[in-house]
Amino acid sequence: MRAYLDNGTTTQVAKEVLDAMLPYLTEKFGHPLFLYSLGQEAADAVEKSQKTIADTLNARRLEIFL
């Protein structure tokens, strides 16, 4: 069994996070501040992730900065 004891500097990405992020690292890589289709897709994903995080923390979406 391997143990990694330096999570203060980096840590392994959870499989669920990797699965969720992979499309945005490989094919949906538009800049969320621009209005072209890839950018709008990225902006929608940012907004959705803000809402998910806010709901989890019982906060408002605009209180979450990514």
PDB file of N, CA and C in Angstrom:
ATOM      1  N   MET A   1       0.845  -1.190   0.000  1.00  0.00           N
ATOM      2  CA  MET A   1       0.000   0.000   0.000  1.00  0.00           C
ATOM      3  C   MET A   1       0.881   1.240   0.000  1.00  0.00           C
ATOM      4  N   ARG A   2       0.541   2.196  -0.857  1.00  0.00           N
ATOM      5  CA  ARG A   2       1.269   3.458  -0.918  1.00  0.00           C
ATOM      6  C   ARG A   2       0.510   4.517  -0.128  1.00  0.00           C
ATOM      7  N   ALA A   3       1.263   5.379   0.545  1.00  0.00           N
ATOM      8  CA  ALA A   3       0.651   6.494   1.275  1.00  0.00           C
ATOM      9  C   ALA A   3       1.332   7.781   0.837  1.00  0.00           C
ATOM     10  N   TYR A   4       0.545   8.762   0.481  1.00  0.00           N
ATOM     11  CA  TYR A   4       1.075  10.067   0.078  1.00  0.00           C
ATOM     12  C   TYR A   4       0.748  11.048   1.188  1.00  0.00           C
ATOM     13  N   LEU A   5       1.765  11.613   1.820  1.00  0.00           N
ATOM     14  CA  LEU A   5       1.571  12.424   3.011  1.00  0.00           C
ATOM     15  C   LEU A   5       1.824  13.913   2.791  1.00  0.00           C
ATOM     16  N   ASP A   6       1.815  14.378   1.545  1.00  0.00           N
ATOM     17  CA  ASP A   6       2.101  15.783   1.265  1.00  0.00           C
ATOM     18  C   ASP A   6       0.914  16.456   0.580  1.00  0.00           C
ATOM     19  N   ASN A   7      -0.298  16.215   1.069  1.00  0.00           N
ATOM     20  CA  ASN A   7      -1.488  16.799   0.454  1.00  0.00           C
ATOM     21  C   ASN A   7      -1.569  18.311   0.653  1.00  0.00           C
ATOM     22  N   GLY A   8      -0.649  18.890   1.412  1.00  0.00           N
ATOM     23  CA  GLY A   8      -0.625  20.340   1.567  1.00  0.00           C
ATOM     24  C   GLY A   8      -0.216  21.044   0.288  1.00  0.00           C
ATOM     25  N   THR A   9       0.545  20.388  -0.552  1.00  0.00           N
ATOM     26  CA  THR A   9       0.997  21.007  -1.799  1.00  0.00           C
ATOM     27  C   THR A   9       0.227  20.506  -3.015  1.00  0.00           C
ATOM     28  N   THR A  10      -0.247  19.307  -2.969  1.00  0.00           N
ATOM     29  CA  THR A  10      -1.032  18.748  -4.070  1.00  0.00           C
ATOM     30  C   THR A  10      -1.750  17.508  -3.567  1.00  0.00           C
ATOM     31  N   THR A  11      -2.757  17.114  -4.265  1.00  0.00           N
ATOM     32  CA  THR A  11      -3.482  15.900  -3.906  1.00  0.00           C
ATOM     33  C   THR A  11      -4.076  15.288  -5.169  1.00  0.00           C
ATOM     34  N   GLN A  12      -4.359  14.036  -5.104  1.00  0.00           N
ATOM     35  CA  GLN A  12      -4.953  13.341  -6.242  1.00  0.00           C
ATOM     36  C   GLN A  12      -6.359  13.871  -6.489  1.00  0.00           C
ATOM     37  N   VAL A  13      -6.706  14.025  -7.743  1.00  0.00           N
ATOM     38  CA  VAL A  13      -8.038  14.481  -8.117  1.00  0.00           C
ATOM     39  C   VAL A  13      -9.003  13.304  -8.003  1.00  0.00           C
ATOM     40  N   ALA A  14     -10.135  13.544  -7.370  1.00  0.00           N
ATOM     41  CA  ALA A  14     -11.155  12.508  -7.253  1.00  0.00           C
ATOM     42  C   ALA A  14     -11.664  12.138  -8.646  1.00  0.00           C
ATOM     43  N   LYS A  15     -11.971  10.873  -8.843  1.00  0.00           N
ATOM     44  CA  LYS A  15     -12.419  10.394 -10.153  1.00  0.00           C
ATOM     45  C   LYS A  15     -13.654  11.158 -10.627  1.00  0.00           C
ATOM     46  N   GLU A  16     -14.576  11.467  -9.724  1.00  0.00           N
ATOM     47  CA  GLU A  16     -15.785  12.200 -10.094  1.00  0.00           C
ATOM     48  C   GLU A  16     -15.444  13.594 -10.617  1.00  0.00           C
ATOM     49  N   VAL A  17     -14.457  14.227 -10.005  1.00  0.00           N
ATOM     50  CA  VAL A  17     -14.037  15.560 -10.445  1.00  0.00           C
ATOM     51  C   VAL A  17     -13.369  15.462 -11.813  1.00  0.00           C
ATOM     52  N   LEU A  18     -12.485  14.494 -11.978  1.00  0.00           N
ATOM     53  CA  LEU A  18     -11.818  14.299 -13.262  1.00  0.00           C
ATOM     54  C   LEU A  18     -12.835  14.037 -14.369  1.00  0.00           C
ATOM     55  N   ASP A  19     -13.800  13.172 -14.099  1.00  0.00           N
ATOM     56  CA  ASP A  19     -14.830  12.871 -15.101  1.00  0.00           C
ATOM     57  C   ASP A  19     -15.627  14.117 -15.473  1.00  0.00           C
ATOM     58  N   ALA A  20     -15.941  14.951 -14.474  1.00  0.00           N
ATOM     59  CA  ALA A  20     -16.710  16.166 -14.742  1.00  0.00           C
ATOM     60  C   ALA A  20     -15.890  17.204 -15.502  1.00  0.00           C
ATOM     61  N   MET A  21     -14.592  17.284 -15.226  1.00  0.00           N
ATOM     62  CA  MET A  21     -13.737  18.306 -15.826  1.00  0.00           C
ATOM     63  C   MET A  21     -13.164  17.914 -17.183  1.00  0.00           C
ATOM     64  N   LEU A  22     -13.031  16.644 -17.444  1.00  0.00           N
ATOM     65  CA  LEU A  22     -12.354  16.178 -18.659  1.00  0.00           C
ATOM     66  C   LEU A  22     -12.888  16.818 -19.940  1.00  0.00           C
ATOM     67  N   PRO A  23     -14.193  16.932 -20.132  1.00  0.00           N
ATOM     68  CA  PRO A  23     -14.663  17.586 -21.369  1.00  0.00           C
ATOM     69  C   PRO A  23     -14.171  19.029 -21.500  1.00  0.00           C
ATOM     70  N   TYR A  24     -14.031  19.736 -20.381  1.00  0.00           N
ATOM     71  CA  TYR A  24     -13.598  21.134 -20.423  1.00  0.00           C
ATOM     72  C   TYR A  24     -12.084  21.273 -20.561  1.00  0.00           C
ATOM     73  N   LEU A  25     -11.368  20.195 -20.349  1.00  0.00           N
ATOM     74  CA  LEU A  25      -9.912  20.195 -20.533  1.00  0.00           C
ATOM     75  C   LEU A  25      -9.518  19.719 -21.927  1.00  0.00           C
ATOM     76  N   THR A  26     -10.455  19.085 -22.630  1.00  0.00           N
ATOM     77  CA  THR A  26     -10.099  18.484 -23.915  1.00  0.00           C
ATOM     78  C   THR A  26     -10.875  19.025 -25.114  1.00  0.00           C
ATOM     79  N   GLU A  27     -12.162  19.342 -24.932  1.00  0.00           N
ATOM     80  CA  GLU A  27     -12.948  19.732 -26.105  1.00  0.00           C
ATOM     81  C   GLU A  27     -13.827  20.964 -25.894  1.00  0.00           C
ATOM     82  N   LYS A  28     -14.189  21.276 -24.666  1.00  0.00           N
ATOM     83  CA  LYS A  28     -15.054  22.430 -24.374  1.00  0.00           C
ATOM     84  C   LYS A  28     -14.244  23.500 -23.654  1.00  0.00           C
ATOM     85  N   PHE A  29     -13.193  23.958 -24.285  1.00  0.00           N
ATOM     86  CA  PHE A  29     -12.199  24.796 -23.621  1.00  0.00           C
ATOM     87  C   PHE A  29     -12.342  26.281 -23.936  1.00  0.00           C
ATOM     88  N   GLY A  30     -13.533  26.732 -24.235  1.00  0.00           N
ATOM     89  CA  GLY A  30     -13.745  28.139 -24.553  1.00  0.00           C
ATOM     90  C   GLY A  30     -13.576  29.041 -23.342  1.00  0.00           C
ATOM     91  N   HIS A  31     -13.278  30.290 -23.596  1.00  0.00           N
ATOM     92  CA  HIS A  31     -13.133  31.291 -22.538  1.00  0.00           C
ATOM     93  C   HIS A  31     -14.521  31.755 -22.122  1.00  0.00           C
ATOM     94  N   PRO A  32     -14.888  31.647 -20.846  1.00  0.00           N
ATOM     95  CA  PRO A  32     -16.252  31.940 -20.433  1.00  0.00           C
ATOM     96  C   PRO A  32     -16.659  33.412 -20.534  1.00  0.00           C
ATOM     97  N   LEU A  33     -15.727  34.311 -20.791  1.00  0.00           N
ATOM     98  CA  LEU A  33     -16.073  35.726 -20.910  1.00  0.00           C
ATOM     99  C   LEU A  33     -16.358  36.161 -22.345  1.00  0.00           C
ATOM    100  N   PHE A  34     -16.239  35.237 -23.298  1.00  0.00           N
ATOM    101  CA  PHE A  34     -16.500  35.571 -24.692  1.00  0.00           C
ATOM    102  C   PHE A  34     -17.789  34.912 -25.163  1.00  0.00           C
ATOM    103  N   LEU A  35     -18.454  35.521 -26.134  1.00  0.00           N
ATOM    104  CA  LEU A  35     -19.804  35.110 -26.513  1.00  0.00           C
ATOM    105  C   LEU A  35     -19.873  34.043 -27.598  1.00  0.00           C
ATOM    106  N   TYR A  36     -18.740  33.606 -28.146  1.00  0.00           N
ATOM    107  CA  TYR A  36     -18.807  32.540 -29.145  1.00  0.00           C
ATOM    108  C   TYR A  36     -19.277  31.256 -28.468  1.00  0.00           C
ATOM    109  N   SER A  37     -19.665  30.250 -29.256  1.00  0.00           N
ATOM    110  CA  SER A  37     -20.346  29.078 -28.693  1.00  0.00           C
ATOM    111  C   SER A  37     -19.523  28.344 -27.635  1.00  0.00           C
ATOM    112  N   LEU A  38     -18.221  28.152 -27.865  1.00  0.00           N
ATOM    113  CA  LEU A  38     -17.397  27.477 -26.848  1.00  0.00           C
ATOM    114  C   LEU A  38     -17.324  28.313 -25.576  1.00  0.00           C
ATOM    115  N   GLY A  39     -17.249  29.627 -25.719  1.00  0.00           N
ATOM    116  CA  GLY A  39     -17.211  30.499 -24.556  1.00  0.00           C
ATOM    117  C   GLY A  39     -18.517  30.461 -23.781  1.00  0.00           C
ATOM    118  N   GLN A  40     -19.631  30.460 -24.486  1.00  0.00           N
ATOM    119  CA  GLN A  40     -20.924  30.404 -23.806  1.00  0.00           C
ATOM    120  C   GLN A  40     -21.106  29.078 -23.090  1.00  0.00           C
ATOM    121  N   GLU A  41     -20.626  28.010 -23.707  1.00  0.00           N
ATOM    122  CA  GLU A  41     -20.704  26.689 -23.075  1.00  0.00           C
ATOM    123  C   GLU A  41     -19.883  26.678 -21.785  1.00  0.00           C
ATOM    124  N   ALA A  42     -18.714  27.290 -21.823  1.00  0.00           N
ATOM    125  CA  ALA A  42     -17.876  27.377 -20.631  1.00  0.00           C
ATOM    126  C   ALA A  42     -18.538  28.246 -19.568  1.00  0.00           C
ATOM    127  N   ALA A  43     -19.141  29.361 -19.972  1.00  0.00           N
ATOM    128  CA  ALA A  43     -19.831  30.247 -19.025  1.00  0.00           C
ATOM    129  C   ALA A  43     -20.995  29.517 -18.354  1.00  0.00           C
ATOM    130  N   ASP A  44     -21.734  28.742 -19.122  1.00  0.00           N
ATOM    131  CA  ASP A  44     -22.840  27.969 -18.562  1.00  0.00           C
ATOM    132  C   ASP A  44     -22.329  26.960 -17.534  1.00  0.00           C
ATOM    133  N   ALA A  45     -21.198  26.328 -17.833  1.00  0.00           N
ATOM    134  CA  ALA A  45     -20.615  25.351 -16.915  1.00  0.00           C
ATOM    135  C   ALA A  45     -20.140  26.025 -15.625  1.00  0.00           C
ATOM    136  N   VAL A  46     -19.556  27.220 -15.744  1.00  0.00           N
ATOM    137  CA  VAL A  46     -19.110  27.956 -14.558  1.00  0.00           C
ATOM    138  C   VAL A  46     -20.324  28.295 -13.692  1.00  0.00           C
ATOM    139  N   GLU A  47     -21.384  28.786 -14.316  1.00  0.00           N
ATOM    140  CA  GLU A  47     -22.591  29.148 -13.568  1.00  0.00           C
ATOM    141  C   GLU A  47     -23.193  27.928 -12.870  1.00  0.00           C
ATOM    142  N   LYS A  48     -23.234  26.818 -13.579  1.00  0.00           N
ATOM    143  CA  LYS A  48     -23.775  25.589 -12.994  1.00  0.00           C
ATOM    144  C   LYS A  48     -22.923  25.123 -11.817  1.00  0.00           C
ATOM    145  N   SER A  49     -21.611  25.196 -11.966  1.00  0.00           N
ATOM    146  CA  SER A  49     -20.742  24.759 -10.863  1.00  0.00           C
ATOM    147  C   SER A  49     -20.870  25.694  -9.666  1.00  0.00           C
ATOM    148  N   GLN A  50     -21.024  27.000  -9.918  1.00  0.00           N
ATOM    149  CA  GLN A  50     -21.246  27.937  -8.816  1.00  0.00           C
ATOM    150  C   GLN A  50     -22.523  27.577  -8.058  1.00  0.00           C
ATOM    151  N   LYS A  51     -23.574  27.260  -8.790  1.00  0.00           N
ATOM    152  CA  LYS A  51     -24.842  26.906  -8.156  1.00  0.00           C
ATOM    153  C   LYS A  51     -24.710  25.628  -7.343  1.00  0.00           C
ATOM    154  N   THR A  52     -24.025  24.636  -7.888  1.00  0.00           N
ATOM    155  CA  THR A  52     -23.840  23.376  -7.172  1.00  0.00           C
ATOM    156  C   THR A  52     -23.078  23.599  -5.868  1.00  0.00           C
ATOM    157  N   ILE A  53     -22.004  24.371  -5.947  1.00  0.00           N
ATOM    158  CA  ILE A  53     -21.205  24.656  -4.754  1.00  0.00           C
ATOM    159  C   ILE A  53     -22.019  25.467  -3.753  1.00  0.00           C
ATOM    160  N   ALA A  54     -22.732  26.486  -4.237  1.00  0.00           N
ATOM    161  CA  ALA A  54     -23.545  27.326  -3.355  1.00  0.00           C
ATOM    162  C   ALA A  54     -24.623  26.500  -2.658  1.00  0.00           C
ATOM    163  N   ASP A  55     -25.295  25.641  -3.395  1.00  0.00           N
ATOM    164  CA  ASP A  55     -26.324  24.790  -2.797  1.00  0.00           C
ATOM    165  C   ASP A  55     -25.730  23.896  -1.718  1.00  0.00           C
ATOM    166  N   THR A  56     -24.544  23.365  -1.980  1.00  0.00           N
ATOM    167  CA  THR A  56     -23.874  22.499  -1.010  1.00  0.00           C
ATOM    168  C   THR A  56     -23.527  23.265   0.263  1.00  0.00           C
ATOM    169  N   LEU A  57     -23.125  24.521   0.116  1.00  0.00           N
ATOM    170  CA  LEU A  57     -22.697  25.337   1.255  1.00  0.00           C
ATOM    171  C   LEU A  57     -23.820  26.190   1.841  1.00  0.00           C
ATOM    172  N   ASN A  58     -25.033  26.031   1.297  1.00  0.00           N
ATOM    173  CA  ASN A  58     -26.168  26.852   1.714  1.00  0.00           C
ATOM    174  C   ASN A  58     -25.842  28.341   1.558  1.00  0.00           C
ATOM    175  N   ALA A  59     -25.329  28.690   0.400  1.00  0.00           N
ATOM    176  CA  ALA A  59     -24.952  30.070   0.080  1.00  0.00           C
ATOM    177  C   ALA A  59     -25.668  30.486  -1.210  1.00  0.00           C
ATOM    178  N   ARG A  60     -25.452  31.726  -1.619  1.00  0.00           N
ATOM    179  CA  ARG A  60     -25.980  32.196  -2.903  1.00  0.00           C
ATOM    180  C   ARG A  60     -24.926  31.978  -3.978  1.00  0.00           C
ATOM    181  N   ARG A  61     -25.380  31.742  -5.209  1.00  0.00           N
ATOM    182  CA  ARG A  61     -24.463  31.444  -6.313  1.00  0.00           C
ATOM    183  C   ARG A  61     -23.417  32.562  -6.490  1.00  0.00           C
ATOM    184  N   LEU A  62     -23.846  33.806  -6.395  1.00  0.00           N
ATOM    185  CA  LEU A  62     -22.917  34.911  -6.646  1.00  0.00           C
ATOM    186  C   LEU A  62     -21.918  35.136  -5.495  1.00  0.00           C
ATOM    187  N   GLU A  63     -22.068  34.378  -4.414  1.00  0.00           N
ATOM    188  CA  GLU A  63     -21.078  34.414  -3.334  1.00  0.00           C
ATOM    189  C   GLU A  63     -19.919  33.463  -3.605  1.00  0.00           C
ATOM    190  N   ILE A  64     -20.042  32.671  -4.652  1.00  0.00           N
ATOM    191  CA  ILE A  64     -19.009  31.688  -5.002  1.00  0.00           C
ATOM    192  C   ILE A  64     -18.180  32.241  -6.144  1.00  0.00           C
ATOM    193  N   PHE A  65     -16.898  32.408  -5.897  1.00  0.00           N
ATOM    194  CA  PHE A  65     -15.971  32.930  -6.909  1.00  0.00           C
ATOM    195  C   PHE A  65     -15.087  31.793  -7.389  1.00  0.00           C
ATOM    196  N   LEU A  66     -15.061  31.581  -8.686  1.00  0.00           N
ATOM    197  CA  LEU A  66     -14.247  30.512  -9.262  1.00  0.00           C
ATOM    198  C   LEU A  66     -13.089  31.091 -10.029  1.00  0.00           C
TER     199      LEU A  66
END
